[in-house]
Structures are given as structure tokens and as C-alpha cells.
Amino acid sequence: MAQLAVNVDHVATLRQARGVTYPEPVAAAIAAETAGADGIVVHLRGDRRHINERDVRLLRKIVQTRLILEMAASNEMLGIALDIKPDIVTLVPETKEEISTEGGLDLITHKNHIRETVSTLKNAGIDVCIFIDPAFDQIQIAHKIDADMIEIHTGAFCDATTIAQKQKEFSKIVDAAKIGTRLNLEVNAGHGICYNSIKAFKGLSEIKEFSIGHSIVARSILTGMEQAVRDMKQLINAL
């Protein structure tokens, strides 16, 4: 049965919109775990546009499941990760202009640098996931540089506007999940998944965890975080 990692970044986004101290992403994480989340995800960006170091340090103290830190493979972030020691680091691409992560990490271009980052993190006892597009060459490199797991970028599928586009993009996800599994990588999936698109993953047992944030936080405004997480967990359990 697949698990659910809840990303609470957008709680911090709402906080930053007014430059105040609330809503509290740490409180959201507690509520998500209470409702059955299997992990908590945060993305600490170089510009600290939403989640900040204070959030990550508090989460490290209170998260009872697994703390998953998304970050760029920069020296600054590597130092923070080695200090805070999250359970898992997910390496992601990062640009200043993007609203949200726009695609997977390009391992073809950055293979050597990412390999060094993976090695340093693993030597510190931190499992490493790499966020990549559903492409064979990217998965193959992730395996060669000794990543523990991959997170398949599902954005193209979730954003597709026609049935043909959705089918094409989903077939890439299916192939990527099967290839990753054959290479003994744990396969996760995330980006843009909502309460409707999650249903498409029924029967794709190769995916071990879904990382979902925006749709859960959006629903929580109307239902509360615990109910929003329970609703998503129920859908995942039915896959």
C-alpha cells in the first residue's frame, strides 16, 4: 500500500503573504501526522521564500514519522542538511523565477556534482531521493550515482488538458515506475497530484509514496488539515 507524504510549504506561503507569524507550518505538520500522514515534506529554498530554517529545525524535533527535506544540491543546503539530519533529502532543481518546481533535476548535465552530494549525504546516514522527470536516461543515472530512491515528476500528467495528452504522460510515469523498480530504486511520485488525479494511479503498485502538498493545503482551508489528509489517505488506500 502506497504511503502519503504531506508537503506543508504552502502553509508557509500563506504566512509569508502577509509577513506575519501565522499560519504555522509546524502546527499543520502535527495535524497531518495526527490524521495519518506517513511523512512531512518541506522545501528549504535558497531565497527562503516560504519555509525557513526555523521551521525545519522545529520540524526535526516534532515530526514523528519521517522528515523529508527538499533542497537544491548547493553547498549551503548541504551544510544545513548535514546539521539538521532529516530522514530523507530529496534533491530538486531550483530557479529564482519559478513559482513552484518546474521539472525534474537534469542528471545528465549535473551528474558528477549530484553524485558527490549523494555520497556526502549517505555517508552522514541520510537517505537520498532525486526528483526527476519520467525518462529512462535520468532514472539510469540516478541508479548509477547510488540514490536510494527517485520521485517521479508528475506535473506534465496533472497539467495535461486533453485525454490524449494525459494518456501519453501517464504512460511515461508507468514506464518510469517499472524501470526504477527493476533497478532496485524506491519509486515515489509527486507534483500537481490532487484528489481527482490520484485516482489514475490505481494498480500502479511500483509507486511506494505520493508527495502531495498544494491540493491538501487548499482543501484544508475549507475542511481543516486533518480531514484533508484523511480524505487523501482514503483515496490512496483505495488504489
C-alpha atoms as a PDB file:
ATOM      1  CA  MET A   1       0.000   0.000   0.000  1.00  0.00           C
ATOM      2  CA  ALA A   2       1.398   3.373  -1.013  1.00  0.00           C
ATOM      3  CA  GLN A   3       2.131   5.983   1.613  1.00  0.00           C
ATOM      4  CA  LEU A   4       1.406   9.707   1.775  1.00  0.00           C
ATOM      5  CA  ALA A   5       3.991  12.402   2.481  1.00  0.00           C
ATOM      6  CA  VAL A   6       2.322  15.774   3.081  1.00  0.00           C
ATOM      7  CA  ASN A   7       4.122  18.914   1.931  1.00  0.00           C
ATOM      8  CA  VAL A   8       3.317  21.886   4.193  1.00  0.00           C
ATOM      9  CA  ASP A   9       5.196  24.512   2.135  1.00  0.00           C
ATOM     10  CA  HIS A  10       2.032  26.344   1.124  1.00  0.00           C
ATOM     11  CA  VAL A  11       1.074  26.921   4.737  1.00  0.00           C
ATOM     12  CA  ALA A  12       4.281  28.938   4.949  1.00  0.00           C
ATOM     13  CA  THR A  13       3.433  30.614   1.625  1.00  0.00           C
ATOM     14  CA  LEU A  14       0.197  31.904   3.166  1.00  0.00           C
ATOM     15  CA  ARG A  15       2.134  33.098   6.211  1.00  0.00           C
ATOM     16  CA  GLN A  16       4.632  34.960   4.075  1.00  0.00           C
ATOM     17  CA  ALA A  17       1.900  36.651   2.031  1.00  0.00           C
ATOM     18  CA  ARG A  18       1.165  38.928   4.992  1.00  0.00           C
ATOM     19  CA  GLY A  19       4.597  38.880   6.593  1.00  0.00           C
ATOM     20  CA  VAL A  20       3.157  37.597   9.860  1.00  0.00           C
ATOM     21  CA  THR A  21       3.855  34.611  12.112  1.00  0.00           C
ATOM     22  CA  TYR A  22       0.801  32.541  11.161  1.00  0.00           C
ATOM     23  CA  PRO A  23      -0.435  30.133   9.925  1.00  0.00           C
ATOM     24  CA  GLU A  24       2.176  27.842  11.431  1.00  0.00           C
ATOM     25  CA  PRO A  25       3.561  25.095   9.145  1.00  0.00           C
ATOM     26  CA  VAL A  26       4.746  23.158  12.186  1.00  0.00           C
ATOM     27  CA  ALA A  27       1.174  23.028  13.533  1.00  0.00           C
ATOM     28  CA  ALA A  28      -0.001  21.893  10.101  1.00  0.00           C
ATOM     29  CA  ALA A  29       2.563  19.092  10.167  1.00  0.00           C
ATOM     30  CA  ILE A  30       1.325  17.924  13.573  1.00  0.00           C
ATOM     31  CA  ALA A  31      -2.266  17.886  12.308  1.00  0.00           C
ATOM     32  CA  ALA A  32      -1.213  15.985   9.167  1.00  0.00           C
ATOM     33  CA  GLU A  33       0.566  13.317  11.193  1.00  0.00           C
ATOM     34  CA  THR A  34      -2.396  13.045  13.567  1.00  0.00           C
ATOM     35  CA  ALA A  35      -4.573  12.311  10.524  1.00  0.00           C
ATOM     36  CA  GLY A  36      -2.246   9.566   9.301  1.00  0.00           C
ATOM     37  CA  ALA A  37       0.399  11.202   7.103  1.00  0.00           C
ATOM     38  CA  ASP A  38       3.396   8.917   6.683  1.00  0.00           C
ATOM     39  CA  GLY A  39       5.882  11.760   6.273  1.00  0.00           C
ATOM     40  CA  ILE A  40       6.220  15.540   6.250  1.00  0.00           C
ATOM     41  CA  VAL A  41       7.856  17.374   3.350  1.00  0.00           C
ATOM     42  CA  VAL A  42       9.311  20.881   3.246  1.00  0.00           C
ATOM     43  CA  HIS A  43      11.388  22.656   0.607  1.00  0.00           C
ATOM     44  CA  LEU A  44      14.016  24.987   2.038  1.00  0.00           C
ATOM     45  CA  ARG A  45      14.879  27.339  -0.813  1.00  0.00           C
ATOM     46  CA  GLY A  46      17.954  29.495  -1.170  1.00  0.00           C
ATOM     47  CA  ASP A  47      15.816  32.637  -1.012  1.00  0.00           C
ATOM     48  CA  ARG A  48      13.733  31.330   1.958  1.00  0.00           C
ATOM     49  CA  ARG A  49      10.584  32.474   0.193  1.00  0.00           C
ATOM     50  CA  HIS A  50       8.344  30.365   2.415  1.00  0.00           C
ATOM     51  CA  ILE A  51       9.883  27.646   4.613  1.00  0.00           C
ATOM     52  CA  ASN A  52      12.785  28.909   6.705  1.00  0.00           C
ATOM     53  CA  GLU A  53      15.464  27.271   8.819  1.00  0.00           C
ATOM     54  CA  ARG A  54      13.497  27.844  11.999  1.00  0.00           C
ATOM     55  CA  ASP A  55      10.655  25.780  10.520  1.00  0.00           C
ATOM     56  CA  VAL A  56      12.951  22.930   9.534  1.00  0.00           C
ATOM     57  CA  ARG A  57      14.680  22.811  12.910  1.00  0.00           C
ATOM     58  CA  LEU A  58      11.364  22.737  14.763  1.00  0.00           C
ATOM     59  CA  LEU A  59      10.021  20.074  12.436  1.00  0.00           C
ATOM     60  CA  ARG A  60      13.102  17.943  13.045  1.00  0.00           C
ATOM     61  CA  LYS A  61      12.207  17.992  16.755  1.00  0.00           C
ATOM     62  CA  ILE A  62       8.478  17.256  16.460  1.00  0.00           C
ATOM     63  CA  VAL A  63       7.956  15.094  13.368  1.00  0.00           C
ATOM     64  CA  GLN A  64       7.214  11.540  14.493  1.00  0.00           C
ATOM     65  CA  THR A  65       7.096   9.883  11.068  1.00  0.00           C
ATOM     66  CA  ARG A  66       9.757  10.995   8.574  1.00  0.00           C
ATOM     67  CA  LEU A  67      11.031  14.467   7.791  1.00  0.00           C
ATOM     68  CA  ILE A  68      11.754  14.859   4.086  1.00  0.00           C
ATOM     69  CA  LEU A  69      13.788  17.917   3.144  1.00  0.00           C
ATOM     70  CA  GLU A  70      13.609  19.064  -0.458  1.00  0.00           C
ATOM     71  CA  MET A  71      16.603  21.170  -1.437  1.00  0.00           C
ATOM     72  CA  ALA A  72      18.941  22.194  -4.209  1.00  0.00           C
ATOM     73  CA  ALA A  73      22.319  20.464  -4.300  1.00  0.00           C
ATOM     74  CA  SER A  74      24.151  23.620  -3.188  1.00  0.00           C
ATOM     75  CA  ASN A  75      26.943  23.818  -0.622  1.00  0.00           C
ATOM     76  CA  GLU A  76      24.755  25.962   1.613  1.00  0.00           C
ATOM     77  CA  MET A  77      21.883  23.473   1.631  1.00  0.00           C
ATOM     78  CA  LEU A  78      24.207  20.527   2.030  1.00  0.00           C
ATOM     79  CA  GLY A  79      25.647  22.107   5.174  1.00  0.00           C
ATOM     80  CA  ILE A  80      22.160  22.692   6.593  1.00  0.00           C
ATOM     81  CA  ALA A  81      21.082  19.120   5.825  1.00  0.00           C
ATOM     82  CA  LEU A  82      24.178  17.666   7.497  1.00  0.00           C
ATOM     83  CA  ASP A  83      23.436  19.776  10.571  1.00  0.00           C
ATOM     84  CA  ILE A  84      19.694  19.139  10.846  1.00  0.00           C
ATOM     85  CA  LYS A  85      19.802  15.491   9.684  1.00  0.00           C
ATOM     86  CA  PRO A  86      16.393  14.976   8.070  1.00  0.00           C
ATOM     87  CA  ASP A  87      15.387  11.367   7.472  1.00  0.00           C
ATOM     88  CA  ILE A  88      15.429  11.870   3.714  1.00  0.00           C
ATOM     89  CA  VAL A  89      16.776  14.560   1.410  1.00  0.00           C
ATOM     90  CA  THR A  90      15.095  14.982  -1.965  1.00  0.00           C
ATOM     91  CA  LEU A  91      17.355  16.797  -4.394  1.00  0.00           C
ATOM     92  CA  VAL A  92      15.415  19.136  -6.679  1.00  0.00           C
ATOM     93  CA  PRO A  93      16.205  21.794  -9.281  1.00  0.00           C
ATOM     94  CA  GLU A  94      15.646  25.376  -8.207  1.00  0.00           C
ATOM     95  CA  THR A  95      15.402  28.681 -10.048  1.00  0.00           C
ATOM     96  CA  LYS A  96      14.632  32.122  -8.658  1.00  0.00           C
ATOM     97  CA  GLU A  97      11.850  32.877 -11.139  1.00  0.00           C
ATOM     98  CA  GLU A  98       9.746  29.748 -10.673  1.00  0.00           C
ATOM     99  CA  ILE A  99       6.531  29.747  -8.661  1.00  0.00           C
ATOM    100  CA  SER A 100       6.937  26.062  -7.922  1.00  0.00           C
ATOM    101  CA  THR A 101       9.420  23.406  -9.042  1.00  0.00           C
ATOM    102  CA  GLU A 102       9.006  23.245 -12.806  1.00  0.00           C
ATOM    103  CA  GLY A 103      10.624  19.936 -13.707  1.00  0.00           C
ATOM    104  CA  GLY A 104      12.952  17.192 -12.668  1.00  0.00           C
ATOM    105  CA  LEU A 105      16.643  17.521 -11.908  1.00  0.00           C
ATOM    106  CA  ASP A 106      18.804  17.147 -15.015  1.00  0.00           C
ATOM    107  CA  LEU A 107      21.180  14.374 -14.036  1.00  0.00           C
ATOM    108  CA  ILE A 108      22.775  14.242 -17.474  1.00  0.00           C
ATOM    109  CA  THR A 109      24.116  17.766 -17.053  1.00  0.00           C
ATOM    110  CA  HIS A 110      24.804  17.677 -13.319  1.00  0.00           C
ATOM    111  CA  LYS A 111      25.736  14.012 -12.787  1.00  0.00           C
ATOM    112  CA  ASN A 112      29.146  14.493 -11.185  1.00  0.00           C
ATOM    113  CA  HIS A 113      28.027  17.212  -8.795  1.00  0.00           C
ATOM    114  CA  ILE A 114      24.923  15.299  -7.772  1.00  0.00           C
ATOM    115  CA  ARG A 115      26.960  12.140  -7.302  1.00  0.00           C
ATOM    116  CA  GLU A 116      29.185  13.940  -4.785  1.00  0.00           C
ATOM    117  CA  THR A 117      26.166  15.345  -2.949  1.00  0.00           C
ATOM    118  CA  VAL A 118      24.501  11.928  -2.792  1.00  0.00           C
ATOM    119  CA  SER A 119      27.677  10.363  -1.428  1.00  0.00           C
ATOM    120  CA  THR A 120      28.118  13.031   1.266  1.00  0.00           C
ATOM    121  CA  LEU A 121      24.520  12.726   2.442  1.00  0.00           C
ATOM    122  CA  LYS A 122      24.563   8.932   2.505  1.00  0.00           C
ATOM    123  CA  ASN A 123      27.838   8.898   4.437  1.00  0.00           C
ATOM    124  CA  ALA A 124      26.030  11.007   7.041  1.00  0.00           C
ATOM    125  CA  GLY A 125      23.265   8.415   7.310  1.00  0.00           C
ATOM    126  CA  ILE A 126      20.683  10.382   5.310  1.00  0.00           C
ATOM    127  CA  ASP A 127      18.689   8.583   2.614  1.00  0.00           C
ATOM    128  CA  VAL A 128      18.670  10.368  -0.731  1.00  0.00           C
ATOM    129  CA  CYS A 129      15.849  10.757  -3.229  1.00  0.00           C
ATOM    130  CA  ILE A 130      16.198  12.540  -6.575  1.00  0.00           C
ATOM    131  CA  PHE A 131      13.283  14.366  -8.185  1.00  0.00           C
ATOM    132  CA  ILE A 132      13.408  13.545 -11.894  1.00  0.00           C
ATOM    133  CA  ASP A 133      11.271  13.546 -14.995  1.00  0.00           C
ATOM    134  CA  PRO A 134       9.938  10.128 -16.109  1.00  0.00           C
ATOM    135  CA  ALA A 135      12.772   9.447 -18.549  1.00  0.00           C
ATOM    136  CA  PHE A 136      14.885   6.296 -18.816  1.00  0.00           C
ATOM    137  CA  ASP A 137      18.251   8.067 -19.030  1.00  0.00           C
ATOM    138  CA  GLN A 138      17.551  10.100 -15.884  1.00  0.00           C
ATOM    139  CA  ILE A 139      16.482   7.007 -13.932  1.00  0.00           C
ATOM    140  CA  GLN A 140      19.537   5.089 -15.108  1.00  0.00           C
ATOM    141  CA  ILE A 141      21.868   7.821 -13.861  1.00  0.00           C
ATOM    142  CA  ALA A 142      20.035   8.030 -10.535  1.00  0.00           C
ATOM    143  CA  HIS A 143      20.752   4.335 -10.119  1.00  0.00           C
ATOM    144  CA  LYS A 144      24.401   4.687 -11.154  1.00  0.00           C
ATOM    145  CA  ILE A 145      25.097   7.508  -8.686  1.00  0.00           C
ATOM    146  CA  ASP A 146      23.673   5.382  -5.865  1.00  0.00           C
ATOM    147  CA  ALA A 147      20.481   7.256  -4.998  1.00  0.00           C
ATOM    148  CA  ASP A 148      18.194   5.335  -2.648  1.00  0.00           C
ATOM    149  CA  MET A 149      15.011   6.433  -4.371  1.00  0.00           C
ATOM    150  CA  ILE A 150      13.528   8.605  -7.075  1.00  0.00           C
ATOM    151  CA  GLU A 151      10.477  10.842  -7.076  1.00  0.00           C
ATOM    152  CA  ILE A 152       8.850  10.930 -10.494  1.00  0.00           C
ATOM    153  CA  HIS A 153       7.750  14.390 -11.563  1.00  0.00           C
ATOM    154  CA  THR A 154       4.028  14.026 -12.329  1.00  0.00           C
ATOM    155  CA  GLY A 155       3.387  17.642 -13.321  1.00  0.00           C
ATOM    156  CA  ALA A 156       3.080  17.073 -17.077  1.00  0.00           C
ATOM    157  CA  PHE A 157       0.398  14.461 -16.494  1.00  0.00           C
ATOM    158  CA  CYS A 158      -1.512  16.506 -13.927  1.00  0.00           C
ATOM    159  CA  ASP A 159      -1.403  19.652 -16.077  1.00  0.00           C
ATOM    160  CA  ALA A 160      -2.385  17.962 -19.361  1.00  0.00           C
ATOM    161  CA  THR A 161      -5.600  19.362 -20.794  1.00  0.00           C
ATOM    162  CA  THR A 162      -6.659  16.610 -23.212  1.00  0.00           C
ATOM    163  CA  ILE A 163      -7.285  12.904 -22.760  1.00  0.00           C
ATOM    164  CA  ALA A 164      -4.619  12.078 -25.333  1.00  0.00           C
ATOM    165  CA  GLN A 165      -2.038  14.214 -23.535  1.00  0.00           C
ATOM    166  CA  LYS A 166      -2.933  12.679 -20.181  1.00  0.00           C
ATOM    167  CA  GLN A 167      -2.627   9.152 -21.550  1.00  0.00           C
ATOM    168  CA  LYS A 168       0.726   9.936 -23.148  1.00  0.00           C
ATOM    169  CA  GLU A 169       2.164  11.495 -19.989  1.00  0.00           C
ATOM    170  CA  PHE A 170       0.779   8.802 -17.703  1.00  0.00           C
ATOM    171  CA  SER A 171       2.329   6.066 -19.818  1.00  0.00           C
ATOM    172  CA  LYS A 172       5.701   7.719 -19.198  1.00  0.00           C
ATOM    173  CA  ILE A 173       5.065   7.583 -15.457  1.00  0.00           C
ATOM    174  CA  VAL A 174       4.123   3.904 -15.626  1.00  0.00           C
ATOM    175  CA  ASP A 175       7.245   3.032 -17.601  1.00  0.00           C
ATOM    176  CA  ALA A 176       9.447   5.080 -15.263  1.00  0.00           C
ATOM    177  CA  ALA A 177       7.995   3.413 -12.175  1.00  0.00           C
ATOM    178  CA  LYS A 178       8.596  -0.047 -13.578  1.00  0.00           C
ATOM    179  CA  ILE A 179      12.141   0.772 -14.717  1.00  0.00           C
ATOM    180  CA  GLY A 180      13.024   2.310 -11.354  1.00  0.00           C
ATOM    181  CA  THR A 181      11.709  -0.730  -9.527  1.00  0.00           C
ATOM    182  CA  ARG A 182      13.734  -3.079 -11.736  1.00  0.00           C
ATOM    183  CA  LEU A 183      16.829  -1.062 -10.845  1.00  0.00           C
ATOM    184  CA  ASN A 184      16.060  -1.527  -7.132  1.00  0.00           C
ATOM    185  CA  LEU A 185      15.214   2.130  -6.604  1.00  0.00           C
ATOM    186  CA  GLU A 186      12.309   3.003  -4.344  1.00  0.00           C
ATOM    187  CA  VAL A 187       9.874   4.892  -6.549  1.00  0.00           C
ATOM    188  CA  ASN A 188       7.810   7.834  -5.302  1.00  0.00           C
ATOM    189  CA  ALA A 189       5.703  10.335  -7.230  1.00  0.00           C
ATOM    190  CA  GLY A 190       4.708  13.944  -6.812  1.00  0.00           C
ATOM    191  CA  HIS A 191       3.905  17.379  -8.201  1.00  0.00           C
ATOM    192  CA  GLY A 192       0.426  18.591  -9.040  1.00  0.00           C
ATOM    193  CA  ILE A 193      -1.407  15.497  -7.779  1.00  0.00           C
ATOM    194  CA  CYS A 194      -4.891  16.309  -6.494  1.00  0.00           C
ATOM    195  CA  TYR A 195      -7.956  14.462  -5.226  1.00  0.00           C
ATOM    196  CA  ASN A 196      -9.019  13.664  -8.793  1.00  0.00           C
ATOM    197  CA  SER A 197      -5.710  12.853 -10.489  1.00  0.00           C
ATOM    198  CA  ILE A 198      -4.625  10.473  -7.692  1.00  0.00           C
ATOM    199  CA  LYS A 199      -7.288   8.023  -8.900  1.00  0.00           C
ATOM    200  CA  ALA A 200      -5.375   7.434 -12.135  1.00  0.00           C
ATOM    201  CA  PHE A 201      -2.630   5.651 -10.190  1.00  0.00           C
ATOM    202  CA  LYS A 202      -4.856   2.729  -9.219  1.00  0.00           C
ATOM    203  CA  GLY A 203      -2.972  -0.527  -9.746  1.00  0.00           C
ATOM    204  CA  LEU A 204       0.459   1.075 -10.156  1.00  0.00           C
ATOM    205  CA  SER A 205       1.932  -0.760  -7.197  1.00  0.00           C
ATOM    206  CA  GLU A 206       5.514   0.253  -8.055  1.00  0.00           C
ATOM    207  CA  ILE A 207       4.903   3.692  -6.551  1.00  0.00           C
ATOM    208  CA  LYS A 208       5.607   3.475  -2.835  1.00  0.00           C
ATOM    209  CA  GLU A 209       4.799   7.029  -1.781  1.00  0.00           C
ATOM    210  CA  PHE A 210       2.972  10.086  -3.060  1.00  0.00           C
ATOM    211  CA  SER A 211       4.269  13.533  -2.104  1.00  0.00           C
ATOM    212  CA  ILE A 212       1.299  15.913  -2.116  1.00  0.00           C
ATOM    213  CA  GLY A 213       1.076  19.476  -0.869  1.00  0.00           C
ATOM    214  CA  HIS A 214      -0.900  22.172  -2.648  1.00  0.00           C
ATOM    215  CA  SER A 215      -4.154  20.258  -3.083  1.00  0.00           C
ATOM    216  CA  ILE A 216      -4.173  19.129   0.550  1.00  0.00           C
ATOM    217  CA  VAL A 217      -3.391  22.598   1.907  1.00  0.00           C
ATOM    218  CA  ALA A 218      -6.024  24.101  -0.397  1.00  0.00           C
ATOM    219  CA  ARG A 219      -8.685  21.681   0.835  1.00  0.00           C
ATOM    220  CA  SER A 220      -7.626  22.194   4.444  1.00  0.00           C
ATOM    221  CA  ILE A 221      -8.767  25.827   4.234  1.00  0.00           C
ATOM    222  CA  LEU A 222     -12.331  24.537   3.922  1.00  0.00           C
ATOM    223  CA  THR A 223     -12.204  21.258   5.827  1.00  0.00           C
ATOM    224  CA  GLY A 224      -9.262  21.521   8.216  1.00  0.00           C
ATOM    225  CA  MET A 225      -5.893  19.821   7.777  1.00  0.00           C
ATOM    226  CA  GLU A 226      -6.802  16.563   9.489  1.00  0.00           C
ATOM    227  CA  GLN A 227      -9.855  15.966   7.319  1.00  0.00           C
ATOM    228  CA  ALA A 228      -7.983  16.955   4.162  1.00  0.00           C
ATOM    229  CA  VAL A 229      -5.248  14.418   4.932  1.00  0.00           C
ATOM    230  CA  ARG A 230      -7.750  11.697   5.826  1.00  0.00           C
ATOM    231  CA  ASP A 231      -9.569  12.266   2.541  1.00  0.00           C
ATOM    232  CA  MET A 232      -6.350  11.845   0.555  1.00  0.00           C
ATOM    233  CA  LYS A 233      -5.231   8.828   2.596  1.00  0.00           C
ATOM    234  CA  GLN A 234      -8.579   7.166   1.887  1.00  0.00           C
ATOM    235  CA  LEU A 235      -8.091   7.674  -1.861  1.00  0.00           C
ATOM    236  CA  ILE A 236      -4.526   6.331  -1.753  1.00  0.00           C
ATOM    237  CA  ASN A 237      -5.579   3.296   0.295  1.00  0.00           C
ATOM    238  CA  ALA A 238      -8.130   2.501  -2.396  1.00  0.00           C
ATOM    239  CA  LEU A 239      -5.553   2.424  -5.210  1.00  0.00           C
END
